[in-house]
């Protein structure tokens, strides 16, 4: 099994506490998205040995996504050009366009990568983010994980909640606001953890409220000026208040 730190490098576990280092990925993926991710890698003929060309392509893909992650720490997605990504990754501009089509495709691929890592830890990793911890601890750890992602990619929540366009060449995968598979996984996991502890609460709406706060302008400004610790404490306090409130 992949270790937690390997599967989700944005989190470090120290006892029951989750520490954020703001470099992690985020999100869920459907079977079609798995297929899309797989199709972005060159295919080899049956029985053929992996070629140098395939190894180079995989290395370029990793470099491009890592460079995009670094740029997102200081730029909004719409302000990042393919030329910037190519320069930061040390590859030609044509390589970036060939691999991802355009900026939308690049951002989509980055979200898919985050999805694989975070989903793996949530479903099969160690507690408190993974199974085995009390629902309360899992909820607070997951909120910490999301804040770690959003704090390094401050416009990501807005992109997920209100996607502007489908991935290039895939018009069938348009998503209604709030229905992107990434957002849907985050919302569904939070809602389920709340419902398990407070079946009387409107867990569906509460999950939307908790996530919705993360792409408001005042919150993004707070993240930019003060970092994530204050926001993490506030979001944990809100979640705890919901769980501890007297039953209606």
Protein backbone atom coordinates (compact mmCIF):
# COMPACT_ATOMS: atom_id res chain seq x y z
CA UNK A 1 0.00 0.00 0.00
CA UNK A 2 1.19 3.49 -0.78
CA UNK A 3 2.14 5.47 2.30
CA UNK A 4 0.15 8.56 3.23
CA UNK A 5 3.02 10.95 2.67
CA UNK A 6 3.75 9.40 -0.74
CA UNK A 7 0.13 9.32 -1.88
CA UNK A 8 -0.69 12.80 -0.64
CA UNK A 9 2.41 14.92 -0.18
CA UNK A 10 0.40 17.96 0.94
CA UNK A 11 -0.24 16.34 4.31
CA UNK A 12 1.99 15.01 7.04
CA UNK A 13 0.54 12.91 9.84
CA UNK A 14 1.81 13.51 13.36
CA UNK A 15 -0.26 11.42 15.71
CA UNK A 16 -3.90 12.36 15.28
CA UNK A 17 -3.14 15.78 13.88
CA UNK A 18 -2.83 16.69 10.22
CA UNK A 19 -0.22 19.25 9.27
CA UNK A 20 -0.42 21.08 5.96
CA UNK A 21 2.58 21.91 3.81
CA UNK A 22 0.41 23.36 1.01
CA UNK A 23 1.77 21.25 -1.82
CA UNK A 24 -0.86 18.56 -2.00
CA UNK A 25 -3.31 17.51 -4.66
CA UNK A 26 -7.06 17.24 -4.20
CA UNK A 27 -10.07 15.29 -5.76
CA UNK A 28 -12.33 12.38 -7.02
CA UNK A 29 -12.38 10.85 -10.38
CA UNK A 30 -14.89 8.93 -12.39
CA UNK A 31 -14.11 5.92 -14.56
CA UNK A 32 -14.24 8.18 -17.62
CA UNK A 33 -11.67 10.48 -16.04
CA UNK A 34 -9.41 7.53 -15.31
CA UNK A 35 -9.72 6.66 -19.00
CA UNK A 36 -8.92 10.26 -19.97
CA UNK A 37 -5.84 10.31 -17.78
CA UNK A 38 -4.69 7.01 -19.21
CA UNK A 39 -5.27 8.22 -22.77
CA UNK A 40 -2.95 11.19 -22.19
CA UNK A 41 0.02 8.83 -22.02
CA UNK A 42 1.47 7.33 -25.22
CA UNK A 43 0.35 3.74 -25.83
CA UNK A 44 2.79 0.93 -26.54
CA UNK A 45 2.07 -2.00 -28.87
CA UNK A 46 1.28 -5.29 -27.15
CA UNK A 47 4.48 -7.06 -26.25
CA UNK A 48 6.69 -4.05 -26.96
CA UNK A 49 9.26 -2.95 -24.42
CA UNK A 50 8.82 0.53 -22.89
CA UNK A 51 10.65 2.95 -25.15
CA UNK A 52 12.89 5.89 -24.31
CA UNK A 53 10.27 8.06 -25.99
CA UNK A 54 7.59 6.85 -23.57
CA UNK A 55 9.86 7.47 -20.56
CA UNK A 56 10.61 10.98 -21.81
CA UNK A 57 6.91 11.67 -22.31
CA UNK A 58 6.08 10.55 -18.78
CA UNK A 59 8.91 12.64 -17.36
CA UNK A 60 7.75 15.69 -19.33
CA UNK A 61 4.20 15.21 -18.10
CA UNK A 62 5.34 15.13 -14.48
CA UNK A 63 7.53 18.19 -14.99
CA UNK A 64 4.69 20.14 -16.63
CA UNK A 65 2.18 19.33 -13.89
CA UNK A 66 4.72 20.13 -11.16
CA UNK A 67 5.52 23.47 -12.83
CA UNK A 68 1.81 24.27 -13.07
CA UNK A 69 1.41 23.50 -9.36
CA UNK A 70 4.21 25.91 -8.52
CA UNK A 71 2.75 28.66 -10.71
CA UNK A 72 -0.68 28.23 -9.13
CA UNK A 73 0.83 29.09 -5.77
CA UNK A 74 1.30 32.67 -6.96
CA UNK A 75 -1.03 33.08 -9.96
CA UNK A 76 -4.71 32.63 -10.71
CA UNK A 77 -5.38 29.83 -13.24
CA UNK A 78 -6.55 32.32 -15.87
CA UNK A 79 -3.32 34.29 -15.53
CA UNK A 80 -1.04 31.35 -16.32
CA UNK A 81 0.02 30.97 -19.95
CA UNK A 82 1.20 27.81 -21.63
CA UNK A 83 4.45 29.65 -22.39
CA UNK A 84 5.01 30.25 -18.65
CA UNK A 85 4.37 26.60 -17.90
CA UNK A 86 6.76 25.44 -20.61
CA UNK A 87 9.53 27.73 -19.33
CA UNK A 88 9.01 26.64 -15.72
CA UNK A 89 8.99 22.97 -16.71
CA UNK A 90 12.03 23.24 -18.95
CA UNK A 91 10.22 21.88 -22.02
CA UNK A 92 9.18 23.34 -25.36
CA UNK A 93 5.87 25.17 -25.68
CA UNK A 94 4.79 22.68 -28.32
CA UNK A 95 5.22 19.84 -25.83
CA UNK A 96 2.76 21.45 -23.43
CA UNK A 97 0.18 22.02 -26.17
CA UNK A 98 0.67 18.50 -27.51
CA UNK A 99 0.16 16.93 -24.10
CA UNK A 100 -2.75 18.99 -22.82
CA UNK A 101 -4.31 20.90 -25.70
CA UNK A 102 -4.84 24.19 -23.88
CA UNK A 103 -4.89 25.71 -20.39
CA UNK A 104 -8.27 24.15 -19.57
CA UNK A 105 -6.91 20.70 -20.40
CA UNK A 106 -3.82 21.35 -18.31
CA UNK A 107 -5.83 22.43 -15.26
CA UNK A 108 -8.12 19.46 -15.71
CA UNK A 109 -5.19 17.04 -15.79
CA UNK A 110 -3.78 18.60 -12.63
CA UNK A 111 -7.11 18.13 -10.84
CA UNK A 112 -7.25 14.49 -11.97
CA UNK A 113 -3.77 13.92 -10.54
CA UNK A 114 -4.81 15.45 -7.22
CA UNK A 115 -7.96 13.37 -7.25
CA UNK A 116 -6.08 10.12 -7.45
CA UNK A 117 -3.82 10.98 -4.53
CA UNK A 118 -6.46 12.38 -2.18
CA UNK A 119 -9.07 9.74 -2.97
CA UNK A 120 -6.55 6.99 -2.31
CA UNK A 121 -5.73 8.36 1.12
CA UNK A 122 -9.39 8.96 2.00
CA UNK A 123 -10.46 5.46 0.96
CA UNK A 124 -7.42 3.37 1.88
CA UNK A 125 -4.89 5.51 3.71
CA UNK A 126 -4.15 5.75 7.42
CA UNK A 127 -6.34 7.64 9.88
CA UNK A 128 -7.36 10.29 10.57
CA UNK A 129 -7.94 11.09 6.91
CA UNK A 130 -8.43 7.46 5.94
CA UNK A 131 -10.70 4.78 7.45
CA UNK A 132 -10.33 3.77 11.08
CA UNK A 133 -10.69 7.11 12.82
CA UNK A 134 -13.88 8.48 14.36
CA UNK A 135 -16.08 10.33 11.89
CA UNK A 136 -15.43 13.60 13.71
CA UNK A 137 -11.66 13.25 13.36
CA UNK A 138 -12.00 12.27 9.70
CA UNK A 139 -14.14 15.31 8.98
CA UNK A 140 -11.71 17.74 10.60
CA UNK A 141 -8.74 16.10 8.87
CA UNK A 142 -10.47 16.30 5.50
CA UNK A 143 -11.28 19.98 5.97
CA UNK A 144 -7.61 20.55 6.81
CA UNK A 145 -6.63 18.70 3.63
CA UNK A 146 -8.91 20.81 1.46
CA UNK A 147 -7.60 24.03 2.98
CA UNK A 148 -4.06 22.86 2.31
CA UNK A 149 -4.93 22.48 -1.37
CA UNK A 150 -6.91 25.71 -1.67
CA UNK A 151 -4.29 27.77 0.14
CA UNK A 152 -1.71 26.96 -2.51
CA UNK A 153 -4.18 27.25 -5.40
CA UNK A 154 -6.45 30.04 -4.31
CA UNK A 155 -8.82 30.06 -7.28
CA UNK A 156 -9.26 26.30 -7.45
CA UNK A 157 -12.55 26.21 -5.52
CA UNK A 158 -14.12 28.76 -7.86
CA UNK A 159 -12.97 26.72 -10.84
CA UNK A 160 -14.52 23.57 -9.35
CA UNK A 161 -17.77 25.14 -8.21
CA UNK A 162 -18.28 27.09 -11.46
CA UNK A 163 -16.34 25.36 -14.25
CA UNK A 164 -16.04 27.60 -17.27
CA UNK A 165 -15.49 24.94 -19.91
CA UNK A 166 -15.10 21.18 -20.36
CA UNK A 167 -11.71 19.62 -21.06
CA UNK A 168 -10.62 20.18 -24.67
CA UNK A 169 -12.17 17.72 -27.11
CA UNK A 170 -14.65 16.50 -24.49
CA UNK A 171 -17.76 18.67 -24.79
CA UNK A 172 -19.87 15.90 -23.28
CA UNK A 173 -18.22 16.51 -19.92
CA UNK A 174 -19.68 19.90 -19.14
CA UNK A 175 -20.76 20.18 -15.52
CA UNK A 176 -23.49 22.16 -13.85
CA UNK A 177 -22.29 24.54 -11.10
CA UNK A 178 -21.41 22.46 -8.05
CA UNK A 179 -21.54 19.19 -10.03
CA UNK A 180 -17.92 18.88 -11.10
CA UNK A 181 -16.73 15.40 -10.03
CA UNK A 182 -13.98 16.96 -7.93
CA UNK A 183 -16.37 19.21 -6.04
CA UNK A 184 -18.95 16.40 -5.89
CA UNK A 185 -16.50 14.08 -4.13
CA UNK A 186 -15.45 16.71 -1.61
CA UNK A 187 -19.07 17.66 -0.93
CA UNK A 188 -20.24 14.04 -0.73
CA UNK A 189 -17.51 13.02 1.70
CA UNK A 190 -18.13 15.99 4.01
CA UNK A 191 -21.90 15.47 3.86
CA UNK A 192 -21.61 11.76 4.67
CA UNK A 193 -19.33 12.36 7.66
CA UNK A 194 -21.69 14.99 9.07
CA UNK A 195 -24.76 12.80 8.50
CA UNK A 196 -23.11 9.87 10.26
CA UNK A 197 -22.81 11.97 13.43
CA UNK A 198 -25.84 14.23 13.08
CA UNK A 199 -28.57 12.47 11.08
CA UNK A 200 -30.98 15.25 12.11
CA UNK A 201 -28.87 17.96 10.42
CA UNK A 202 -29.14 19.13 6.81
CA UNK A 203 -25.73 17.69 5.99
CA UNK A 204 -26.07 18.30 2.25
CA UNK A 205 -26.55 22.05 2.63
CA UNK A 206 -24.02 22.37 5.46
CA UNK A 207 -21.36 20.74 3.25
CA UNK A 208 -22.11 23.26 0.48
CA UNK A 209 -21.82 26.13 2.98
CA UNK A 210 -18.47 24.91 4.29
CA UNK A 211 -17.05 24.54 0.78
CA UNK A 212 -18.69 27.68 -0.56
CA UNK A 213 -16.84 29.83 1.94
CA UNK A 214 -13.53 28.76 0.42
CA UNK A 215 -13.97 30.64 -2.85
CA UNK A 216 -15.30 33.94 -1.54
CA UNK A 217 -13.16 37.01 -2.14
CA UNK A 218 -12.70 37.88 1.57
CA UNK A 219 -11.50 34.35 2.32
CA UNK A 220 -9.09 34.33 -0.62
CA UNK A 221 -7.77 37.71 0.51
CA UNK A 222 -7.26 36.34 4.02
CA UNK A 223 -5.37 33.34 2.65
CA UNK A 224 -3.16 35.60 0.58
CA UNK A 225 -2.32 37.92 3.46
CA UNK A 226 -2.21 35.64 6.49
CA UNK A 227 -1.87 32.06 5.32
CA UNK A 228 -4.11 29.12 6.10
CA UNK A 229 -3.88 28.63 9.88
CA UNK A 230 -6.58 31.13 10.81
CA UNK A 231 -8.97 29.78 8.17
CA UNK A 232 -8.30 26.19 9.20
CA UNK A 233 -9.10 26.98 12.83
CA UNK A 234 -12.29 28.82 11.87
CA UNK A 235 -13.53 26.05 9.59
CA UNK A 236 -12.84 23.42 12.23
CA UNK A 237 -14.73 25.53 14.77
CA UNK A 238 -17.72 25.79 12.44
CA UNK A 239 -17.75 22.05 11.82
CA UNK A 240 -17.45 21.31 15.54
CA UNK A 241 -20.31 23.70 16.28
CA UNK A 242 -22.52 21.85 13.81
CA UNK A 243 -21.65 18.50 15.35
CA UNK A 244 -22.09 19.69 18.94
CA UNK A 245 -25.28 21.72 18.47
CA UNK A 246 -28.36 20.46 20.36
CA UNK A 247 -30.69 18.37 18.26
CA UNK A 248 -33.59 20.36 16.84
